[in-house]
């Protein structure tokens, strides 16, 4: 994989001498410190995740529409004895001409799923799985959009399962009213010639909600609330379980003024992730705390530096679950410098 990436990078550099396309570059850095205090919880674990991602990228652009980009995502975890703990190649084609946007290759995950709630992707996914390997297509007009995407997360071998996501999301705004939808199917197959046969699993989650956004008619950066219905579906094909369905209500509220904000999410319903005890985070990428029937999370945050180059966000989170209040503190710093 490393050799293929070096060959692709070399070809891109050589090609710049024979064509007059615009050359692009960017240097990104994302540093995170996330401390969760979930002692004695049955649905979440206490842990501290911290590190820094270094994200250099170069590319070519022609007609202001077509882009080819290559780069690296290098992760160093705080306290590690190694200089680089994880290495992720970035290489993708991008086409952006309103009303269509298209990506294919290994590209930043935020392009496709940044707006998904935590019931789909927990925070650690953005720390340790920063790229999607697959395809993203979107139709958009201003703030309205609909997209579909594919993320191939593991290729089948004697030691690895075949796994991939297929997802769809969208939003439509009508004045202060909006409707939105998020959904995916995760295919969790077996290994090649396994010693012990294991059932092939499918996990489907989707959320459809209606909301009100008052930010446009106030002096606030954010002032909105939405409520929707979550449906989680699990099945183990070989076990002939049929679809096991978990449903619930998810409500979100967002308020922000001059970088100070509150984000609250509330879930009430049947606990999600039916097979978590068998396959835990290999099968489920959402926050495992949603295995609880009732859960409320309140984020109080301050963005004390926020411009085109640097974004800094300090968050204090209160988690109300299992008749207990748990605490979480996080600090996230994003730096991005480019020539476009």
C-alpha atoms as a PDB file:
ATOM      1  CA  UNK A   1       0.000   0.000   0.000  1.00  0.00           C
ATOM      2  CA  UNK A   2       2.839   2.387   0.831  1.00  0.00           C
ATOM      3  CA  UNK A   3       4.602   1.658  -2.484  1.00  0.00           C
ATOM      4  CA  UNK A   4       1.388   2.293  -4.462  1.00  0.00           C
ATOM      5  CA  UNK A   5       0.902   5.571  -2.643  1.00  0.00           C
ATOM      6  CA  UNK A   6       4.468   6.711  -3.424  1.00  0.00           C
ATOM      7  CA  UNK A   7       4.045   5.830  -7.112  1.00  0.00           C
ATOM      8  CA  UNK A   8       0.798   7.805  -7.282  1.00  0.00           C
ATOM      9  CA  UNK A   9       2.413  10.805  -5.580  1.00  0.00           C
ATOM     10  CA  UNK A  10       5.377  10.659  -7.988  1.00  0.00           C
ATOM     11  CA  UNK A  11       3.075  10.568 -11.026  1.00  0.00           C
ATOM     12  CA  UNK A  12       1.158  13.562  -9.740  1.00  0.00           C
ATOM     13  CA  UNK A  13       4.334  15.604  -9.248  1.00  0.00           C
ATOM     14  CA  UNK A  14       5.687  14.684 -12.688  1.00  0.00           C
ATOM     15  CA  UNK A  15       2.388  15.594 -14.345  1.00  0.00           C
ATOM     16  CA  UNK A  16       2.608  19.183 -13.100  1.00  0.00           C
ATOM     17  CA  UNK A  17       5.474  19.899 -15.514  1.00  0.00           C
ATOM     18  CA  UNK A  18       3.476  18.998 -18.622  1.00  0.00           C
ATOM     19  CA  UNK A  19       0.171  20.696 -17.929  1.00  0.00           C
ATOM     20  CA  UNK A  20      -0.977  24.194 -17.016  1.00  0.00           C
ATOM     21  CA  UNK A  21      -3.502  23.235 -14.387  1.00  0.00           C
ATOM     22  CA  UNK A  22      -3.615  25.029 -11.075  1.00  0.00           C
ATOM     23  CA  UNK A  23      -1.480  23.490  -8.332  1.00  0.00           C
ATOM     24  CA  UNK A  24      -2.992  23.173  -4.863  1.00  0.00           C
ATOM     25  CA  UNK A  25      -1.556  22.453  -1.446  1.00  0.00           C
ATOM     26  CA  UNK A  26      -2.740  22.443   2.122  1.00  0.00           C
ATOM     27  CA  UNK A  27      -1.280  21.598   5.501  1.00  0.00           C
ATOM     28  CA  UNK A  28      -3.740  20.504   8.138  1.00  0.00           C
ATOM     29  CA  UNK A  29      -3.421  19.597  11.786  1.00  0.00           C
ATOM     30  CA  UNK A  30      -6.057  18.253  14.142  1.00  0.00           C
ATOM     31  CA  UNK A  31      -5.259  17.779  17.831  1.00  0.00           C
ATOM     32  CA  UNK A  32      -7.701  16.328  20.341  1.00  0.00           C
ATOM     33  CA  UNK A  33      -7.932  15.620  24.061  1.00  0.00           C
ATOM     34  CA  UNK A  34     -11.080  13.773  25.101  1.00  0.00           C
ATOM     35  CA  UNK A  35     -11.511  12.492  28.655  1.00  0.00           C
ATOM     36  CA  UNK A  36     -14.647  10.499  29.522  1.00  0.00           C
ATOM     37  CA  UNK A  37     -15.588   9.631  33.106  1.00  0.00           C
ATOM     38  CA  UNK A  38     -17.959   6.679  32.869  1.00  0.00           C
ATOM     39  CA  UNK A  39     -16.868   4.663  35.891  1.00  0.00           C
ATOM     40  CA  UNK A  40     -19.340   1.870  36.819  1.00  0.00           C
ATOM     41  CA  UNK A  41     -21.423   2.393  33.652  1.00  0.00           C
ATOM     42  CA  UNK A  42     -22.802  -0.699  31.919  1.00  0.00           C
ATOM     43  CA  UNK A  43     -23.118   0.999  28.506  1.00  0.00           C
ATOM     44  CA  UNK A  44     -19.924   3.062  28.153  1.00  0.00           C
ATOM     45  CA  UNK A  45     -16.307   2.877  29.316  1.00  0.00           C
ATOM     46  CA  UNK A  46     -14.091   5.540  30.940  1.00  0.00           C
ATOM     47  CA  UNK A  47     -11.121   6.456  28.772  1.00  0.00           C
ATOM     48  CA  UNK A  48      -8.853   9.278  27.660  1.00  0.00           C
ATOM     49  CA  UNK A  49      -8.233   9.698  23.941  1.00  0.00           C
ATOM     50  CA  UNK A  50      -5.602  12.219  22.900  1.00  0.00           C
ATOM     51  CA  UNK A  51      -3.299  12.803  19.982  1.00  0.00           C
ATOM     52  CA  UNK A  52      -2.501  14.859  16.923  1.00  0.00           C
ATOM     53  CA  UNK A  53      -3.220  14.208  13.246  1.00  0.00           C
ATOM     54  CA  UNK A  54      -0.882  15.789  10.692  1.00  0.00           C
ATOM     55  CA  UNK A  55      -2.612  16.170   7.316  1.00  0.00           C
ATOM     56  CA  UNK A  56      -0.486  17.403   4.384  1.00  0.00           C
ATOM     57  CA  UNK A  57      -2.084  17.304   0.924  1.00  0.00           C
ATOM     58  CA  UNK A  58      -1.151  18.399  -2.618  1.00  0.00           C
ATOM     59  CA  UNK A  59      -3.209  18.360  -5.780  1.00  0.00           C
ATOM     60  CA  UNK A  60      -4.083  19.614  -9.222  1.00  0.00           C
ATOM     61  CA  UNK A  61      -7.181  21.541 -10.280  1.00  0.00           C
ATOM     62  CA  UNK A  62      -8.405  22.284 -13.783  1.00  0.00           C
ATOM     63  CA  UNK A  63     -11.438  24.283 -14.951  1.00  0.00           C
ATOM     64  CA  UNK A  64     -12.070  25.081 -11.249  1.00  0.00           C
ATOM     65  CA  UNK A  65     -14.165  21.906 -11.244  1.00  0.00           C
ATOM     66  CA  UNK A  66     -11.945  18.819 -11.388  1.00  0.00           C
ATOM     67  CA  UNK A  67      -9.401  18.029  -8.681  1.00  0.00           C
ATOM     68  CA  UNK A  68      -6.916  15.233  -8.007  1.00  0.00           C
ATOM     69  CA  UNK A  69      -5.466  15.209  -4.495  1.00  0.00           C
ATOM     70  CA  UNK A  70      -2.944  13.049  -2.651  1.00  0.00           C
ATOM     71  CA  UNK A  71      -1.732  13.271   0.916  1.00  0.00           C
ATOM     72  CA  UNK A  72      -1.130  11.586   4.251  1.00  0.00           C
ATOM     73  CA  UNK A  73      -2.917  11.328   7.574  1.00  0.00           C
ATOM     74  CA  UNK A  74      -0.316  10.694  10.268  1.00  0.00           C
ATOM     75  CA  UNK A  75      -1.564  10.083  13.821  1.00  0.00           C
ATOM     76  CA  UNK A  76       0.602  10.336  16.922  1.00  0.00           C
ATOM     77  CA  UNK A  77      -1.087   9.500  20.214  1.00  0.00           C
ATOM     78  CA  UNK A  78       0.004  11.480  23.256  1.00  0.00           C
ATOM     79  CA  UNK A  79       2.230   9.385  25.483  1.00  0.00           C
ATOM     80  CA  UNK A  80       3.167   6.922  22.735  1.00  0.00           C
ATOM     81  CA  UNK A  81       6.814   5.939  22.287  1.00  0.00           C
ATOM     82  CA  UNK A  82       6.338   5.836  18.517  1.00  0.00           C
ATOM     83  CA  UNK A  83       6.547   8.886  16.286  1.00  0.00           C
ATOM     84  CA  UNK A  84       3.659   7.658  14.100  1.00  0.00           C
ATOM     85  CA  UNK A  85       1.036   5.340  15.573  1.00  0.00           C
ATOM     86  CA  UNK A  86      -1.257   5.137  12.528  1.00  0.00           C
ATOM     87  CA  UNK A  87      -0.756   5.916   8.844  1.00  0.00           C
ATOM     88  CA  UNK A  88      -3.650   6.614   6.467  1.00  0.00           C
ATOM     89  CA  UNK A  89      -3.104   7.358   2.754  1.00  0.00           C
ATOM     90  CA  UNK A  90      -5.246  10.025   1.090  1.00  0.00           C
ATOM     91  CA  UNK A  91      -5.758   9.947  -2.696  1.00  0.00           C
ATOM     92  CA  UNK A  92      -8.959  10.931  -4.452  1.00  0.00           C
ATOM     93  CA  UNK A  93     -10.654  12.567  -7.400  1.00  0.00           C
ATOM     94  CA  UNK A  94     -13.047  15.439  -6.692  1.00  0.00           C
ATOM     95  CA  UNK A  95     -15.607  17.086  -8.987  1.00  0.00           C
ATOM     96  CA  UNK A  96     -17.567  20.064  -7.727  1.00  0.00           C
ATOM     97  CA  UNK A  97     -19.898  21.897 -10.084  1.00  0.00           C
ATOM     98  CA  UNK A  98     -23.213  23.016  -8.667  1.00  0.00           C
ATOM     99  CA  UNK A  99     -25.568  21.238  -8.275  1.00  0.00           C
ATOM    100  CA  UNK A 100     -23.334  18.141  -8.209  1.00  0.00           C
ATOM    101  CA  UNK A 101     -20.428  17.089  -6.000  1.00  0.00           C
ATOM    102  CA  UNK A 102     -18.511  13.818  -6.390  1.00  0.00           C
ATOM    103  CA  UNK A 103     -15.567  12.157  -4.606  1.00  0.00           C
ATOM    104  CA  UNK A 104     -13.919   8.820  -5.262  1.00  0.00           C
ATOM    105  CA  UNK A 105     -10.865   7.315  -3.589  1.00  0.00           C
ATOM    106  CA  UNK A 106      -9.557   7.724  -0.047  1.00  0.00           C
ATOM    107  CA  UNK A 107     -10.886  11.097   1.118  1.00  0.00           C
ATOM    108  CA  UNK A 108     -11.649  12.846   4.441  1.00  0.00           C
ATOM    109  CA  UNK A 109     -14.590  11.315   6.267  1.00  0.00           C
ATOM    110  CA  UNK A 110     -15.997  14.725   7.205  1.00  0.00           C
ATOM    111  CA  UNK A 111     -16.913  15.371   3.557  1.00  0.00           C
ATOM    112  CA  UNK A 112     -19.614  12.690   3.753  1.00  0.00           C
ATOM    113  CA  UNK A 113     -20.725  12.125   7.350  1.00  0.00           C
ATOM    114  CA  UNK A 114     -19.778  15.193   9.416  1.00  0.00           C
ATOM    115  CA  UNK A 115     -23.469  16.040  10.010  1.00  0.00           C
ATOM    116  CA  UNK A 116     -24.454  12.552  11.190  1.00  0.00           C
ATOM    117  CA  UNK A 117     -25.558  12.333  14.871  1.00  0.00           C
ATOM    118  CA  UNK A 118     -23.500  10.318  17.348  1.00  0.00           C
ATOM    119  CA  UNK A 119     -25.986   7.462  17.285  1.00  0.00           C
ATOM    120  CA  UNK A 120     -24.406   6.666  13.871  1.00  0.00           C
ATOM    121  CA  UNK A 121     -20.730   7.579  14.495  1.00  0.00           C
ATOM    122  CA  UNK A 122     -19.148   8.125  17.897  1.00  0.00           C
ATOM    123  CA  UNK A 123     -16.508  10.831  18.354  1.00  0.00           C
ATOM    124  CA  UNK A 124     -13.561   8.432  18.245  1.00  0.00           C
ATOM    125  CA  UNK A 125     -14.299   7.602  14.585  1.00  0.00           C
ATOM    126  CA  UNK A 126     -13.112  11.065  13.548  1.00  0.00           C
ATOM    127  CA  UNK A 127      -9.935  10.545  15.608  1.00  0.00           C
ATOM    128  CA  UNK A 128      -8.924   7.076  14.451  1.00  0.00           C
ATOM    129  CA  UNK A 129     -10.728   6.518  11.126  1.00  0.00           C
ATOM    130  CA  UNK A 130     -10.317   9.937   9.442  1.00  0.00           C
ATOM    131  CA  UNK A 131     -10.824   8.735   5.847  1.00  0.00           C
ATOM    132  CA  UNK A 132     -13.541   7.093   3.809  1.00  0.00           C
ATOM    133  CA  UNK A 133     -12.379   4.591   1.201  1.00  0.00           C
ATOM    134  CA  UNK A 134     -15.033   4.635  -1.465  1.00  0.00           C
ATOM    135  CA  UNK A 135     -17.454   6.957  -3.232  1.00  0.00           C
ATOM    136  CA  UNK A 136     -19.558  10.012  -2.389  1.00  0.00           C
ATOM    137  CA  UNK A 137     -22.110  11.722  -4.671  1.00  0.00           C
ATOM    138  CA  UNK A 138     -24.259  14.705  -3.762  1.00  0.00           C
ATOM    139  CA  UNK A 139     -26.902  16.919  -5.349  1.00  0.00           C
ATOM    140  CA  UNK A 140     -27.100  20.291  -3.593  1.00  0.00           C
ATOM    141  CA  UNK A 141     -28.752  23.695  -3.903  1.00  0.00           C
ATOM    142  CA  UNK A 142     -27.756  26.236  -1.259  1.00  0.00           C
ATOM    143  CA  UNK A 143     -28.530  24.473   2.067  1.00  0.00           C
ATOM    144  CA  UNK A 144     -30.645  21.730   0.489  1.00  0.00           C
ATOM    145  CA  UNK A 145     -28.916  18.474  -0.408  1.00  0.00           C
ATOM    146  CA  UNK A 146     -29.216  14.742  -0.881  1.00  0.00           C
ATOM    147  CA  UNK A 147     -26.253  12.380  -1.080  1.00  0.00           C
ATOM    148  CA  UNK A 148     -25.288   8.721  -1.223  1.00  0.00           C
ATOM    149  CA  UNK A 149     -21.958   7.195  -0.228  1.00  0.00           C
ATOM    150  CA  UNK A 150     -20.016   3.943   0.072  1.00  0.00           C
ATOM    151  CA  UNK A 151     -17.206   3.265   2.553  1.00  0.00           C
ATOM    152  CA  UNK A 152     -15.287  -0.016   2.148  1.00  0.00           C
ATOM    153  CA  UNK A 153     -13.864  -0.502   5.628  1.00  0.00           C
ATOM    154  CA  UNK A 154     -12.237  -3.947   5.401  1.00  0.00           C
ATOM    155  CA  UNK A 155     -11.269  -6.360   2.613  1.00  0.00           C
ATOM    156  CA  UNK A 156     -11.894 -10.053   3.221  1.00  0.00           C
ATOM    157  CA  UNK A 157      -8.901 -12.267   4.028  1.00  0.00           C
ATOM    158  CA  UNK A 158      -8.057 -15.124   6.379  1.00  0.00           C
ATOM    159  CA  UNK A 159      -7.540 -12.627   9.195  1.00  0.00           C
ATOM    160  CA  UNK A 160      -9.965  -9.830   8.210  1.00  0.00           C
ATOM    161  CA  UNK A 161     -13.698  -9.664   7.681  1.00  0.00           C
ATOM    162  CA  UNK A 162     -15.346  -8.082   4.672  1.00  0.00           C
ATOM    163  CA  UNK A 163     -17.129  -4.941   5.904  1.00  0.00           C
ATOM    164  CA  UNK A 164     -18.578  -1.862   4.239  1.00  0.00           C
ATOM    165  CA  UNK A 165     -21.088   0.962   4.706  1.00  0.00           C
ATOM    166  CA  UNK A 166     -23.714   2.214   2.270  1.00  0.00           C
ATOM    167  CA  UNK A 167     -25.318   5.475   3.350  1.00  0.00           C
ATOM    168  CA  UNK A 168     -27.766   8.184   2.355  1.00  0.00           C
ATOM    169  CA  UNK A 169     -28.568  11.559   3.911  1.00  0.00           C
ATOM    170  CA  UNK A 170     -30.364  14.745   2.960  1.00  0.00           C
ATOM    171  CA  UNK A 171     -31.961  17.967   4.115  1.00  0.00           C
ATOM    172  CA  UNK A 172     -34.663  20.250   2.747  1.00  0.00           C
ATOM    173  CA  UNK A 173     -35.292  23.757   4.084  1.00  0.00           C
ATOM    174  CA  UNK A 174     -38.564  25.654   3.795  1.00  0.00           C
ATOM    175  CA  UNK A 175     -38.207  28.973   5.623  1.00  0.00           C
ATOM    176  CA  UNK A 176     -37.527  28.219   9.277  1.00  0.00           C
ATOM    177  CA  UNK A 177     -38.819  24.649   8.866  1.00  0.00           C
ATOM    178  CA  UNK A 178     -36.576  21.809   7.709  1.00  0.00           C
ATOM    179  CA  UNK A 179     -36.714  18.067   7.243  1.00  0.00           C
ATOM    180  CA  UNK A 180     -33.629  15.848   7.370  1.00  0.00           C
ATOM    181  CA  UNK A 181     -32.730  12.202   6.991  1.00  0.00           C
ATOM    182  CA  UNK A 182     -29.664  10.145   7.890  1.00  0.00           C
ATOM    183  CA  UNK A 183     -29.189   6.461   7.236  1.00  0.00           C
ATOM    184  CA  UNK A 184     -26.740   3.652   6.579  1.00  0.00           C
ATOM    185  CA  UNK A 185     -26.428  -0.084   6.218  1.00  0.00           C
ATOM    186  CA  UNK A 186     -23.303  -1.774   7.599  1.00  0.00           C
ATOM    187  CA  UNK A 187     -22.460  -5.158   6.048  1.00  0.00           C
ATOM    188  CA  UNK A 188     -20.400  -7.323   8.424  1.00  0.00           C
ATOM    189  CA  UNK A 189     -19.369 -10.527   6.684  1.00  0.00           C
ATOM    190  CA  UNK A 190     -16.966 -13.292   7.691  1.00  0.00           C
ATOM    191  CA  UNK A 191     -13.320 -14.149   7.037  1.00  0.00           C
ATOM    192  CA  UNK A 192     -11.970 -16.366   4.264  1.00  0.00           C
ATOM    193  CA  UNK A 193     -12.171 -20.065   5.269  1.00  0.00           C
ATOM    194  CA  UNK A 194     -12.872 -19.335   8.956  1.00  0.00           C
ATOM    195  CA  UNK A 195     -12.010 -21.952  11.563  1.00  0.00           C
ATOM    196  CA  UNK A 196     -15.298 -21.234  13.330  1.00  0.00           C
ATOM    197  CA  UNK A 197     -18.262 -20.125  11.231  1.00  0.00           C
ATOM    198  CA  UNK A 198     -19.855 -16.865  12.331  1.00  0.00           C
ATOM    199  CA  UNK A 199     -23.147 -15.457  11.115  1.00  0.00           C
ATOM    200  CA  UNK A 200     -23.072 -12.653   8.567  1.00  0.00           C
ATOM    201  CA  UNK A 201     -24.565  -9.522  10.133  1.00  0.00           C
ATOM    202  CA  UNK A 202     -26.355  -6.505   8.699  1.00  0.00           C
ATOM    203  CA  UNK A 203     -26.900  -3.385  10.787  1.00  0.00           C
ATOM    204  CA  UNK A 204     -29.235  -0.691   9.470  1.00  0.00           C
ATOM    205  CA  UNK A 205     -29.872   2.640  11.199  1.00  0.00           C
ATOM    206  CA  UNK A 206     -31.895   5.564   9.948  1.00  0.00           C
ATOM    207  CA  UNK A 207     -33.249   8.770  11.444  1.00  0.00           C
ATOM    208  CA  UNK A 208     -35.877  11.062   9.934  1.00  0.00           C
ATOM    209  CA  UNK A 209     -36.630  14.297  11.756  1.00  0.00           C
ATOM    210  CA  UNK A 210     -38.340  17.672  11.460  1.00  0.00           C
ATOM    211  CA  UNK A 211     -36.863  20.855  12.858  1.00  0.00           C
ATOM    212  CA  UNK A 212     -37.136  24.605  13.268  1.00  0.00           C
ATOM    213  CA  UNK A 213     -34.180  26.923  12.620  1.00  0.00           C
ATOM    214  CA  UNK A 214     -34.583  30.441  13.994  1.00  0.00           C
ATOM    215  CA  UNK A 215     -30.945  31.548  13.565  1.00  0.00           C
ATOM    216  CA  UNK A 216     -31.708  33.453  10.348  1.00  0.00           C
ATOM    217  CA  UNK A 217     -34.247  35.684  12.047  1.00  0.00           C
ATOM    218  CA  UNK A 218     -32.242  36.342  15.227  1.00  0.00           C
ATOM    219  CA  UNK A 219     -28.770  37.595  16.144  1.00  0.00           C
ATOM    220  CA  UNK A 220     -27.677  34.112  17.193  1.00  0.00           C
ATOM    221  CA  UNK A 221     -25.251  31.916  15.250  1.00  0.00           C
ATOM    222  CA  UNK A 222     -27.409  28.877  16.091  1.00  0.00           C
ATOM    223  CA  UNK A 223     -30.941  28.549  17.405  1.00  0.00           C
ATOM    224  CA  UNK A 224     -32.695  25.390  16.320  1.00  0.00           C
ATOM    225  CA  UNK A 225     -34.455  22.283  17.543  1.00  0.00           C
ATOM    226  CA  UNK A 226     -35.495  19.050  15.867  1.00  0.00           C
ATOM    227  CA  UNK A 227     -37.175  15.791  16.762  1.00  0.00           C
ATOM    228  CA  UNK A 228     -37.130  12.551  14.848  1.00  0.00           C
ATOM    229  CA  UNK A 229     -37.677   8.800  14.894  1.00  0.00           C
ATOM    230  CA  UNK A 230     -34.708   6.432  15.002  1.00  0.00           C
ATOM    231  CA  UNK A 231     -35.005   2.892  13.699  1.00  0.00           C
ATOM    232  CA  UNK A 232     -32.169   0.430  14.219  1.00  0.00           C
ATOM    233  CA  UNK A 233     -32.368  -2.984  12.532  1.00  0.00           C
ATOM    234  CA  UNK A 234     -30.117  -5.994  13.128  1.00  0.00           C
ATOM    235  CA  UNK A 235     -30.011  -9.454  11.677  1.00  0.00           C
ATOM    236  CA  UNK A 236     -27.709 -12.477  11.684  1.00  0.00           C
ATOM    237  CA  UNK A 237     -28.425 -14.206   8.385  1.00  0.00           C
ATOM    238  CA  UNK A 238     -27.156 -17.711   9.146  1.00  0.00           C
ATOM    239  CA  UNK A 239     -29.014 -17.715  12.471  1.00  0.00           C
ATOM    240  CA  UNK A 240     -32.234 -16.833  10.614  1.00  0.00           C
ATOM    241  CA  UNK A 241     -33.191 -14.287  13.235  1.00  0.00           C
ATOM    242  CA  UNK A 242     -35.026 -12.036  10.803  1.00  0.00           C
ATOM    243  CA  UNK A 243     -34.829  -8.307  11.417  1.00  0.00           C
ATOM    244  CA  UNK A 244     -34.580  -7.298  15.085  1.00  0.00           C
ATOM    245  CA  UNK A 245     -35.966  -3.763  15.291  1.00  0.00           C
ATOM    246  CA  UNK A 246     -35.079  -1.093  17.886  1.00  0.00           C
ATOM    247  CA  UNK A 247     -36.996   2.203  17.717  1.00  0.00           C
ATOM    248  CA  UNK A 248     -36.819   5.464  19.636  1.00  0.00           C
ATOM    249  CA  UNK A 249     -37.244   9.226  19.731  1.00  0.00           C
ATOM    250  CA  UNK A 250     -34.205  11.488  19.255  1.00  0.00           C
ATOM    251  CA  UNK A 251     -34.439  15.228  19.994  1.00  0.00           C
ATOM    252  CA  UNK A 252     -31.712  17.864  19.504  1.00  0.00           C
ATOM    253  CA  UNK A 253     -31.418  21.515  20.535  1.00  0.00           C
ATOM    254  CA  UNK A 254     -28.648  23.933  19.467  1.00  0.00           C
ATOM    255  CA  UNK A 255     -28.013  27.434  20.801  1.00  0.00           C
ATOM    256  CA  UNK A 256     -24.872  29.485  20.095  1.00  0.00           C
ATOM    257  CA  UNK A 257     -23.940  33.150  20.459  1.00  0.00           C
ATOM    258  CA  UNK A 258     -20.474  34.598  19.826  1.00  0.00           C
ATOM    259  CA  UNK A 259     -18.751  31.231  20.136  1.00  0.00           C
ATOM    260  CA  UNK A 260     -20.515  30.154  23.343  1.00  0.00           C
ATOM    261  CA  UNK A 261     -23.087  27.438  22.902  1.00  0.00           C
ATOM    262  CA  UNK A 262     -25.165  24.560  24.211  1.00  0.00           C
ATOM    263  CA  UNK A 263     -25.973  21.399  22.305  1.00  0.00           C
ATOM    264  CA  UNK A 264     -28.443  18.996  23.885  1.00  0.00           C
ATOM    265  CA  UNK A 265     -29.552  15.599  22.589  1.00  0.00           C
ATOM    266  CA  UNK A 266     -32.170  13.339  24.174  1.00  0.00           C
ATOM    267  CA  UNK A 267     -32.977   9.726  23.311  1.00  0.00           C
ATOM    268  CA  UNK A 268     -35.892   7.652  24.570  1.00  0.00           C
ATOM    269  CA  UNK A 269     -36.786   4.218  23.259  1.00  0.00           C
ATOM    270  CA  UNK A 270     -35.510   0.700  22.954  1.00  0.00           C
ATOM    271  CA  UNK A 271     -31.776   0.204  23.417  1.00  0.00           C
ATOM    272  CA  UNK A 272     -29.828  -0.017  20.144  1.00  0.00           C
ATOM    273  CA  UNK A 273     -27.049  -2.421  19.052  1.00  0.00           C
ATOM    274  CA  UNK A 274     -28.562  -5.842  19.718  1.00  0.00           C
ATOM    275  CA  UNK A 275     -25.342  -7.818  19.058  1.00  0.00           C
ATOM    276  CA  UNK A 276     -22.953  -5.450  20.860  1.00  0.00           C
ATOM    277  CA  UNK A 277     -21.895  -8.029  23.447  1.00  0.00           C
ATOM    278  CA  UNK A 278     -20.834 -10.360  20.610  1.00  0.00           C
ATOM    279  CA  UNK A 279     -19.021  -7.939  18.295  1.00  0.00           C
ATOM    280  CA  UNK A 280     -18.906  -4.550  20.110  1.00  0.00           C
ATOM    281  CA  UNK A 281     -17.270  -1.732  18.104  1.00  0.00           C
ATOM    282  CA  UNK A 282     -16.334  -3.984  15.192  1.00  0.00           C
ATOM    283  CA  UNK A 283     -20.006  -4.176  14.226  1.00  0.00           C
ATOM    284  CA  UNK A 284     -21.262  -0.856  15.651  1.00  0.00           C
ATOM    285  CA  UNK A 285     -19.610   2.490  14.963  1.00  0.00           C
ATOM    286  CA  UNK A 286     -22.192   4.564  16.818  1.00  0.00           C
ATOM    287  CA  UNK A 287     -21.867   5.621  20.444  1.00  0.00           C
ATOM    288  CA  UNK A 288     -22.518   2.483  22.556  1.00  0.00           C
ATOM    289  CA  UNK A 289     -24.238   4.610  25.190  1.00  0.00           C
ATOM    290  CA  UNK A 290     -27.336   4.402  22.968  1.00  0.00           C
ATOM    291  CA  UNK A 291     -27.799   0.862  24.224  1.00  0.00           C
ATOM    292  CA  UNK A 292     -29.577   2.578  27.110  1.00  0.00           C
ATOM    293  CA  UNK A 293     -33.334   3.160  26.889  1.00  0.00           C
ATOM    294  CA  UNK A 294     -33.077   6.769  28.092  1.00  0.00           C
ATOM    295  CA  UNK A 295     -30.096   9.040  27.530  1.00  0.00           C
ATOM    296  CA  UNK A 296     -29.517  12.804  27.617  1.00  0.00           C
ATOM    297  CA  UNK A 297     -26.294  14.559  26.658  1.00  0.00           C
ATOM    298  CA  UNK A 298     -25.651  18.263  27.254  1.00  0.00           C
ATOM    299  CA  UNK A 299     -22.569  19.869  25.680  1.00  0.00           C
ATOM    300  CA  UNK A 300     -21.517  23.306  26.921  1.00  0.00           C
ATOM    301  CA  UNK A 301     -18.790  24.689  24.679  1.00  0.00           C
ATOM    302  CA  UNK A 302     -16.657  27.734  23.944  1.00  0.00           C
ATOM    303  CA  UNK A 303     -14.985  28.424  20.593  1.00  0.00           C
ATOM    304  CA  UNK A 304     -12.392  30.955  21.718  1.00  0.00           C
ATOM    305  CA  UNK A 305     -10.457  31.009  18.426  1.00  0.00           C
ATOM    306  CA  UNK A 306     -12.394  30.573  15.212  1.00  0.00           C
ATOM    307  CA  UNK A 307     -11.140  31.856  11.863  1.00  0.00           C
ATOM    308  CA  UNK A 308     -10.212  30.505   8.429  1.00  0.00           C
ATOM    309  CA  UNK A 309      -6.925  29.042   9.683  1.00  0.00           C
ATOM    310  CA  UNK A 310      -7.452  28.025  13.323  1.00  0.00           C
ATOM    311  CA  UNK A 311     -10.471  26.661  15.182  1.00  0.00           C
ATOM    312  CA  UNK A 312     -10.325  25.880  18.910  1.00  0.00           C
ATOM    313  CA  UNK A 313     -13.217  24.366  20.839  1.00  0.00           C
ATOM    314  CA  UNK A 314     -13.425  23.547  24.560  1.00  0.00           C
ATOM    315  CA  UNK A 315     -16.354  21.291  25.529  1.00  0.00           C
ATOM    316  CA  UNK A 316     -17.746  20.168  28.876  1.00  0.00           C
ATOM    317  CA  UNK A 317     -20.321  17.393  28.530  1.00  0.00           C
ATOM    318  CA  UNK A 318     -22.851  16.068  31.015  1.00  0.00           C
ATOM    319  CA  UNK A 319     -24.242  12.586  30.342  1.00  0.00           C
ATOM    320  CA  UNK A 320     -27.458  11.571  32.091  1.00  0.00           C
ATOM    321  CA  UNK A 321     -27.963   7.806  31.828  1.00  0.00           C
ATOM    322  CA  UNK A 322     -28.598   4.849  34.164  1.00  0.00           C
ATOM    323  CA  UNK A 323     -29.935   7.287  36.813  1.00  0.00           C
ATOM    324  CA  UNK A 324     -26.441   8.781  37.009  1.00  0.00           C
ATOM    325  CA  UNK A 325     -24.697  11.908  35.751  1.00  0.00           C
ATOM    326  CA  UNK A 326     -21.321  11.304  34.059  1.00  0.00           C
ATOM    327  CA  UNK A 327     -18.775  13.907  32.963  1.00  0.00           C
ATOM    328  CA  UNK A 328     -16.620  14.439  29.881  1.00  0.00           C
ATOM    329  CA  UNK A 329     -14.087  17.129  28.996  1.00  0.00           C
ATOM    330  CA  UNK A 330     -12.596  17.687  25.561  1.00  0.00           C
ATOM    331  CA  UNK A 331     -10.435  20.194  23.730  1.00  0.00           C
ATOM    332  CA  UNK A 332     -10.148  20.159  19.940  1.00  0.00           C
ATOM    333  CA  UNK A 333      -7.840  22.313  17.825  1.00  0.00           C
ATOM    334  CA  UNK A 334      -7.959  22.415  14.029  1.00  0.00           C
ATOM    335  CA  UNK A 335      -5.363  24.185  11.866  1.00  0.00           C
ATOM    336  CA  UNK A 336      -5.551  24.443   8.086  1.00  0.00           C
ATOM    337  CA  UNK A 337      -3.307  26.502   5.807  1.00  0.00           C
ATOM    338  CA  UNK A 338      -3.675  26.371   2.012  1.00  0.00           C
ATOM    339  CA  UNK A 339      -3.100  28.321  -1.201  1.00  0.00           C
ATOM    340  CA  UNK A 340      -6.722  28.442  -2.345  1.00  0.00           C
END
